[in-house]
């Protein structure tokens, strides 16, 4: 899976903004928040009515969590974060840090008042990308890493370039746990490196022109490289369905970029949901794919609102009649398109030129293929 390319560290939030570049000691800071935390204070930043004056960052917090504590609309985070030049690594937020809500020239700003974390983290003995600190991220690292290591929505280029199962040892037609398979295209993968096997299934098409943008994938199983080369030999140590010739391989441990922050797109976005991870009710951190990508200006961290298309109903009362009363039929009356209804928020975490992957952050009802995604 292609990974996000944003180089913004968690909570760096657009440090180039002029409003965040005050030098220490040149701007008077007030240590307490104003009582009326609404847009009516003269600020364009929609603070939560119960935003606390101080908040101690907890292990497991995400940037989205903290944004929701202080903002009615979390994508305004870049507007409120204040880079305190007196604090080491002011771009990052760690568990134990004390955040304080202050006002500068009447505008609410959130800053690190006291460092509580040491900014260090012992790396785990795994071949995986780990943050070099315990700095919080926009969403849990394991959520994105899980989608990357077992991809179920695949872009077209990703599928075409991925290694694949060329044969199964012992004249097997299908593979199961304990079987050995041969894969082409792995390259110089190290012995014992683990790969997920994904069966490529249905096509993901752009509803506007019917172009194939990608494919759905079905997780087959996983296993380590037993013998390097091309083809390489792998042993299936787990399977959830049969492995077949042509199935694709993806590294089980993937370099995942998670250093982005929630923010609204700067240009108008008109996208369509072309796939969901599962045909079930959507919950937080479930995956969707959109038919817009980096060529449309989307980038990791962008927040979009998802809208359910309004129903088409019959207006049987336009002429002042009694509608269904009398001889009216179900098909009588002109058609009326009801307005689209907002049903959730999603955050982009990875893009290709023509497609994006997003995580559901909030949803009021099931998000379906064909729903639209717009600026929040």
Protein backbone atom coordinates (compact mmCIF):
# COMPACT_ATOMS: atom_id res chain seq x y z
CA UNK A 1 0.00 0.00 0.00
CA UNK A 2 1.24 3.44 -0.77
CA UNK A 3 1.95 5.41 2.35
CA UNK A 4 1.35 8.99 3.28
CA UNK A 5 4.06 11.41 2.26
CA UNK A 6 3.35 14.21 4.69
CA UNK A 7 6.42 15.25 6.65
CA UNK A 8 4.50 17.05 9.37
CA UNK A 9 5.19 15.60 12.79
CA UNK A 10 2.23 15.07 15.14
CA UNK A 11 0.91 18.40 16.33
CA UNK A 12 3.39 20.36 14.23
CA UNK A 13 0.28 21.85 12.63
CA UNK A 14 1.50 24.38 10.19
CA UNK A 15 4.19 26.10 12.20
CA UNK A 16 4.78 28.46 9.32
CA UNK A 17 1.55 30.27 10.09
CA UNK A 18 2.34 33.82 11.02
CA UNK A 19 0.00 33.71 13.97
CA UNK A 20 2.14 31.03 15.56
CA UNK A 21 5.55 32.65 15.23
CA UNK A 22 5.61 35.00 18.20
CA UNK A 23 8.94 35.16 20.02
CA UNK A 24 9.02 34.40 23.73
CA UNK A 25 8.44 37.46 25.86
CA UNK A 26 7.11 39.66 23.05
CA UNK A 27 3.43 38.80 23.42
CA UNK A 28 1.51 38.98 26.70
CA UNK A 29 -0.10 35.65 27.54
CA UNK A 30 -3.10 35.23 29.80
CA UNK A 31 -3.11 32.03 31.79
CA UNK A 32 -6.86 31.51 32.00
CA UNK A 33 -9.43 30.92 29.29
CA UNK A 34 -12.33 33.22 28.67
CA UNK A 35 -15.66 32.06 30.04
CA UNK A 36 -17.59 32.28 26.78
CA UNK A 37 -15.80 29.82 24.51
CA UNK A 38 -17.74 30.35 21.29
CA UNK A 39 -17.29 32.09 17.99
CA UNK A 40 -19.18 35.01 19.55
CA UNK A 41 -15.99 36.00 21.40
CA UNK A 42 -14.69 37.43 18.12
CA UNK A 43 -12.59 34.40 17.24
CA UNK A 44 -13.30 32.28 14.18
CA UNK A 45 -12.15 29.18 16.04
CA UNK A 46 -15.11 27.09 17.27
CA UNK A 47 -13.99 26.05 20.76
CA UNK A 48 -15.97 23.46 22.70
CA UNK A 49 -18.22 25.08 25.28
CA UNK A 50 -16.58 22.99 28.02
CA UNK A 51 -12.98 23.18 26.79
CA UNK A 52 -10.77 22.89 29.91
CA UNK A 53 -8.17 25.47 30.88
CA UNK A 54 -5.64 22.65 31.28
CA UNK A 55 -5.40 19.06 30.11
CA UNK A 56 -2.82 16.40 30.97
CA UNK A 57 -2.06 14.19 27.97
CA UNK A 58 -2.66 10.50 28.72
CA UNK A 59 -1.05 7.40 27.18
CA UNK A 60 -3.27 6.24 24.35
CA UNK A 61 -4.50 9.74 23.52
CA UNK A 62 -4.57 10.69 19.85
CA UNK A 63 -4.47 14.11 18.26
CA UNK A 64 -8.09 13.58 17.24
CA UNK A 65 -9.07 12.89 20.86
CA UNK A 66 -7.43 16.09 22.11
CA UNK A 67 -8.84 18.11 19.21
CA UNK A 68 -12.34 16.96 20.18
CA UNK A 69 -11.76 18.06 23.77
CA UNK A 70 -10.95 21.63 22.74
CA UNK A 71 -12.76 22.11 19.43
CA UNK A 72 -16.28 21.56 18.15
CA UNK A 73 -14.69 20.85 14.77
CA UNK A 74 -11.37 18.99 15.16
CA UNK A 75 -10.03 20.07 11.77
CA UNK A 76 -9.47 23.55 13.20
CA UNK A 77 -6.52 22.17 15.17
CA UNK A 78 -3.86 24.00 13.07
CA UNK A 79 -5.56 27.27 13.96
CA UNK A 80 -5.28 26.80 17.71
CA UNK A 81 -1.92 25.09 18.30
CA UNK A 82 0.71 27.52 19.59
CA UNK A 83 4.38 26.64 19.19
CA UNK A 84 5.91 27.69 22.48
CA UNK A 85 9.57 28.56 21.71
CA UNK A 86 10.51 28.08 25.35
CA UNK A 87 9.72 24.35 25.27
CA UNK A 88 12.02 21.74 23.75
CA UNK A 89 10.48 20.08 20.67
CA UNK A 90 7.41 22.34 20.70
CA UNK A 91 5.94 20.57 17.68
CA UNK A 92 5.37 17.33 19.57
CA UNK A 93 2.97 16.35 22.34
CA UNK A 94 3.85 13.57 24.78
CA UNK A 95 1.90 11.70 27.48
CA UNK A 96 2.24 13.62 30.72
CA UNK A 97 2.48 17.02 29.02
CA UNK A 98 0.24 19.70 30.48
CA UNK A 99 -1.64 21.62 27.77
CA UNK A 100 -2.97 25.07 28.62
CA UNK A 101 -5.59 27.13 26.85
CA UNK A 102 -4.46 30.76 26.61
CA UNK A 103 -5.51 33.84 24.67
CA UNK A 104 -3.22 35.93 22.45
CA UNK A 105 -4.73 39.16 21.11
CA UNK A 106 -8.16 37.72 21.87
CA UNK A 107 -7.53 34.53 19.94
CA UNK A 108 -7.56 31.13 21.71
CA UNK A 109 -4.29 29.22 21.57
CA UNK A 110 -3.30 25.86 23.02
CA UNK A 111 0.28 25.40 24.20
CA UNK A 112 2.46 23.05 26.22
CA UNK A 113 2.67 24.66 29.66
CA UNK A 114 4.73 21.88 31.22
CA UNK A 115 6.64 18.93 29.82
CA UNK A 116 5.69 15.68 31.53
CA UNK A 117 7.15 13.13 29.11
CA UNK A 118 10.82 12.43 28.53
CA UNK A 119 10.32 12.10 24.77
CA UNK A 120 11.98 8.70 24.66
CA UNK A 121 10.74 5.25 23.79
CA UNK A 122 12.58 1.96 23.74
CA UNK A 123 12.27 0.44 20.28
CA UNK A 124 10.73 -3.00 20.11
CA UNK A 125 12.87 -5.82 18.59
CA UNK A 126 10.85 -5.86 15.39
CA UNK A 127 11.58 -4.87 11.82
CA UNK A 128 9.03 -2.11 11.73
CA UNK A 129 8.90 1.63 11.77
CA UNK A 130 8.36 2.95 15.29
CA UNK A 131 8.26 6.61 16.27
CA UNK A 132 11.50 7.63 17.89
CA UNK A 133 9.47 9.12 20.70
CA UNK A 134 6.19 8.58 22.49
CA UNK A 135 4.72 11.61 20.77
CA UNK A 136 1.03 11.15 20.13
CA UNK A 137 -0.23 10.61 16.60
CA UNK A 138 -3.41 11.61 14.78
CA UNK A 139 -4.80 8.07 15.07
CA UNK A 140 -3.35 4.94 16.70
CA UNK A 141 -0.32 3.67 14.79
CA UNK A 142 -1.51 0.06 14.89
CA UNK A 143 -4.73 0.96 13.09
CA UNK A 144 -2.96 2.20 9.96
CA UNK A 145 -0.24 -0.46 10.20
CA UNK A 146 -2.93 -3.14 10.28
CA UNK A 147 -4.47 -1.92 7.04
CA UNK A 148 -1.03 -1.66 5.42
CA UNK A 149 0.08 -5.17 6.39
CA UNK A 150 -3.22 -6.82 5.41
CA UNK A 151 -4.56 -4.56 2.65
CA UNK A 152 -8.16 -5.16 1.65
CA UNK A 153 -8.52 -2.14 -0.66
CA UNK A 154 -5.78 -1.98 -3.28
CA UNK A 155 -4.95 0.59 -5.92
CA UNK A 156 -4.32 -0.58 -9.46
CA UNK A 157 -0.61 0.22 -9.53
CA UNK A 158 -0.08 -1.54 -6.21
CA UNK A 159 -1.64 -4.75 -7.53
CA UNK A 160 0.31 -4.69 -10.78
CA UNK A 161 3.68 -4.33 -9.01
CA UNK A 162 3.13 -6.68 -6.07
CA UNK A 163 4.93 -10.06 -5.82
CA UNK A 164 2.71 -13.05 -6.53
CA UNK A 165 2.36 -16.77 -5.90
CA UNK A 166 3.75 -18.56 -8.97
CA UNK A 167 3.46 -22.16 -7.72
CA UNK A 168 2.75 -24.39 -4.74
CA UNK A 169 5.18 -27.13 -3.82
CA UNK A 170 4.14 -30.74 -4.27
CA UNK A 171 1.76 -30.22 -7.18
CA UNK A 172 -0.84 -28.72 -4.85
CA UNK A 173 -3.57 -26.71 -6.57
CA UNK A 174 -4.41 -24.85 -3.37
CA UNK A 175 -2.35 -24.01 -0.31
CA UNK A 176 -3.17 -24.27 3.38
CA UNK A 177 -1.37 -23.91 6.70
CA UNK A 178 1.91 -25.80 6.59
CA UNK A 179 2.22 -25.81 2.79
CA UNK A 180 5.15 -24.25 0.94
CA UNK A 181 4.62 -21.72 -1.84
CA UNK A 182 6.90 -20.05 -4.38
CA UNK A 183 6.65 -16.32 -5.04
CA UNK A 184 8.06 -14.17 -7.82
CA UNK A 185 9.02 -10.53 -7.40
CA UNK A 186 9.99 -10.44 -3.72
CA UNK A 187 13.53 -9.37 -4.63
CA UNK A 188 16.11 -9.19 -1.87
CA UNK A 189 13.76 -9.94 1.02
CA UNK A 190 15.60 -11.33 4.04
CA UNK A 191 15.08 -14.87 5.24
CA UNK A 192 12.30 -15.06 7.85
CA UNK A 193 10.72 -11.81 6.58
CA UNK A 194 6.97 -12.32 6.80
CA UNK A 195 4.46 -11.65 4.04
CA UNK A 196 0.68 -11.50 3.91
CA UNK A 197 -1.01 -13.25 1.01
CA UNK A 198 -3.96 -11.37 -0.47
CA UNK A 199 -6.41 -12.68 -3.06
CA UNK A 200 -7.36 -9.94 -5.54
CA UNK A 201 -11.12 -9.84 -5.94
CA UNK A 202 -13.55 -7.25 -7.34
CA UNK A 203 -12.67 -4.10 -9.25
CA UNK A 204 -12.99 -0.60 -7.79
CA UNK A 205 -14.36 1.66 -10.51
CA UNK A 206 -14.70 5.41 -10.68
CA UNK A 207 -18.47 6.00 -10.97
CA UNK A 208 -17.86 9.06 -13.14
CA UNK A 209 -16.06 7.33 -16.02
CA UNK A 210 -16.03 3.60 -15.11
CA UNK A 211 -12.21 3.55 -15.00
CA UNK A 212 -10.67 0.81 -12.86
CA UNK A 213 -8.90 2.54 -9.95
CA UNK A 214 -8.15 -0.51 -7.85
CA UNK A 215 -9.40 -3.78 -6.43
CA UNK A 216 -10.81 -5.29 -3.28
CA UNK A 217 -8.61 -7.82 -1.54
CA UNK A 218 -9.31 -10.86 0.61
CA UNK A 219 -6.83 -11.89 3.27
CA UNK A 220 -5.59 -15.43 2.62
CA UNK A 221 -2.84 -16.01 5.16
CA UNK A 222 0.77 -15.25 6.00
CA UNK A 223 4.17 -16.81 6.40
CA UNK A 224 7.93 -16.23 6.45
CA UNK A 225 10.49 -16.49 3.67
CA UNK A 226 12.13 -19.92 3.99
CA UNK A 227 14.54 -19.62 1.05
CA UNK A 228 15.53 -16.42 -0.74
CA UNK A 229 15.77 -16.03 -4.51
CA UNK A 230 13.43 -15.45 -7.40
CA UNK A 231 11.22 -17.32 -6.96
CA UNK A 232 11.50 -17.31 -3.18
CA UNK A 233 10.03 -20.05 -1.04
CA UNK A 234 7.66 -19.26 1.83
CA UNK A 235 5.92 -21.43 4.41
CA UNK A 236 2.27 -20.72 5.15
CA UNK A 237 2.05 -20.56 8.93
CA UNK A 238 -1.57 -19.35 8.99
CA UNK A 239 -4.43 -19.30 6.50
CA UNK A 240 -8.06 -18.20 6.57
CA UNK A 241 -8.85 -19.51 3.08
CA UNK A 242 -7.05 -21.40 0.32
CA UNK A 243 -3.95 -19.87 -1.29
CA UNK A 244 -3.97 -19.86 -5.08
CA UNK A 245 -1.54 -19.20 -7.89
CA UNK A 246 -1.67 -15.49 -8.72
CA UNK A 247 -2.42 -14.35 -5.17
CA UNK A 248 -0.44 -11.24 -4.24
CA UNK A 249 2.11 -10.80 -1.47
CA UNK A 250 2.58 -7.76 0.75
CA UNK A 251 5.12 -7.24 3.57
CA UNK A 252 3.51 -8.04 6.90
CA UNK A 253 5.62 -5.28 8.46
CA UNK A 254 5.27 -2.05 6.51
CA UNK A 255 6.78 1.42 6.73
CA UNK A 256 3.73 3.45 7.69
CA UNK A 257 3.59 7.22 7.84
CA UNK A 258 1.43 8.47 10.70
CA UNK A 259 2.86 11.96 11.17
CA UNK A 260 -0.07 14.04 10.01
CA UNK A 261 -2.62 16.26 11.69
CA UNK A 262 -6.36 16.80 11.10
CA UNK A 263 -7.10 19.78 8.88
CA UNK A 264 -9.65 20.83 6.29
CA UNK A 265 -8.86 20.86 2.55
CA UNK A 266 -8.02 24.29 1.18
CA UNK A 267 -9.81 23.60 -2.10
CA UNK A 268 -13.26 22.28 -2.91
CA UNK A 269 -13.50 18.49 -2.81
CA UNK A 270 -16.22 16.47 -4.54
CA UNK A 271 -15.57 12.76 -4.05
CA UNK A 272 -17.50 9.50 -3.99
CA UNK A 273 -17.10 6.48 -1.72
CA UNK A 274 -16.15 3.64 -4.08
CA UNK A 275 -15.57 0.92 -1.47
CA UNK A 276 -15.89 0.13 2.20
CA UNK A 277 -13.80 -2.39 4.07
CA UNK A 278 -16.77 -4.53 5.03
CA UNK A 279 -20.45 -4.48 4.16
CA UNK A 280 -21.36 -3.84 7.79
CA UNK A 281 -22.27 -0.87 9.92
CA UNK A 282 -19.25 1.38 10.01
CA UNK A 283 -17.48 2.21 13.24
CA UNK A 284 -14.52 4.39 14.12
CA UNK A 285 -11.31 3.51 12.23
CA UNK A 286 -12.98 1.40 9.59
CA UNK A 287 -11.70 1.92 6.08
CA UNK A 288 -13.18 3.47 2.94
CA UNK A 289 -11.79 4.30 -0.48
CA UNK A 290 -12.57 7.49 -2.44
CA UNK A 291 -12.32 8.25 -6.15
CA UNK A 292 -10.15 11.31 -5.55
CA UNK A 293 -6.48 11.42 -4.65
CA UNK A 294 -3.42 13.63 -4.62
CA UNK A 295 -4.11 14.96 -8.12
CA UNK A 296 -7.32 16.49 -6.68
CA UNK A 297 -5.39 18.09 -3.82
CA UNK A 298 -6.10 15.51 -1.14
CA UNK A 299 -3.40 14.70 1.39
CA UNK A 300 -3.04 12.75 4.64
CA UNK A 301 -4.82 14.52 7.49
CA UNK A 302 -7.58 16.03 5.38
CA UNK A 303 -11.01 15.75 7.01
CA UNK A 304 -14.07 15.19 4.82
CA UNK A 305 -17.75 14.97 5.64
CA UNK A 306 -19.63 11.97 4.27
CA UNK A 307 -23.16 12.56 3.02
CA UNK A 308 -25.88 10.06 2.31
CA UNK A 309 -27.77 10.80 -0.88
CA UNK A 310 -31.28 12.05 -0.23
CA UNK A 311 -34.19 9.88 -1.25
CA UNK A 312 -36.46 10.61 -4.19
CA UNK A 313 -40.09 10.87 -3.07
CA UNK A 314 -43.42 11.59 -4.78
CA UNK A 315 -45.11 14.92 -4.17
CA UNK A 316 -48.82 14.12 -4.24
CA UNK A 317 -49.87 17.35 -2.60
CA UNK A 318 -48.50 19.98 -5.01
CA UNK A 319 -51.92 21.00 -6.28
CA UNK A 320 -53.51 21.11 -2.88
CA UNK A 321 -54.99 17.63 -3.11
CA UNK A 322 -55.28 15.05 -0.37
CA UNK A 323 -52.54 12.85 -1.74
CA UNK A 324 -53.18 9.17 -1.16
CA UNK A 325 -56.84 9.82 -0.37
CA UNK A 326 -59.36 8.96 -3.03
CA UNK A 327 -58.00 7.49 -6.27
CA UNK A 328 -54.38 8.62 -5.91
CA UNK A 329 -51.82 5.93 -6.73
CA UNK A 330 -48.34 5.31 -5.35
CA UNK A 331 -46.88 6.57 -8.64
CA UNK A 332 -48.88 9.77 -8.81
CA UNK A 333 -47.27 13.15 -8.25
CA UNK A 334 -43.96 14.64 -9.37
CA UNK A 335 -40.62 13.38 -8.10
CA UNK A 336 -38.83 15.40 -5.40
CA UNK A 337 -35.15 14.93 -4.53
CA UNK A 338 -34.61 15.25 -0.78
CA UNK A 339 -31.36 16.92 0.33
CA UNK A 340 -28.23 14.91 1.12
CA UNK A 341 -27.72 14.23 4.82
CA UNK A 342 -24.38 14.33 6.61
CA UNK A 343 -23.74 11.00 8.33
CA UNK A 344 -20.06 11.03 9.31
CA UNK A 345 -16.50 12.32 9.18
CA UNK A 346 -13.48 10.61 7.67
CA UNK A 347 -9.74 11.37 7.75
CA UNK A 348 -7.49 10.72 4.75
CA UNK A 349 -4.40 8.71 5.73
CA UNK A 350 -2.97 7.63 2.37
CA UNK A 351 -3.32 8.78 -1.22
CA UNK A 352 -2.47 7.75 -4.75
CA UNK A 353 -2.89 10.16 -7.67
CA UNK A 354 -6.47 9.03 -8.33
CA UNK A 355 -7.63 7.36 -5.12
CA UNK A 356 -7.54 7.93 -1.36
CA UNK A 357 -7.88 5.74 1.69
CA UNK A 358 -9.67 7.22 4.68
CA UNK A 359 -10.55 6.19 8.21
CA UNK A 360 -14.03 6.72 9.59
CA UNK A 361 -13.64 9.00 12.61
CA UNK A 362 -17.33 9.54 13.39
CA UNK A 363 -20.51 8.03 11.93
CA UNK A 364 -24.20 8.28 12.74
CA UNK A 365 -25.26 5.46 10.42
CA UNK A 366 -23.88 3.02 7.90
CA UNK A 367 -21.58 4.48 5.26
CA UNK A 368 -22.14 2.87 1.89
CA UNK A 369 -20.59 2.73 -1.54
CA UNK A 370 -21.98 5.67 -3.53
CA UNK A 371 -22.14 8.11 -0.62
CA UNK A 372 -20.45 11.44 -1.31
CA UNK A 373 -17.53 13.05 0.53
CA UNK A 374 -17.20 16.83 0.75
CA UNK A 375 -15.40 19.57 2.63
CA UNK A 376 -16.50 19.48 6.29
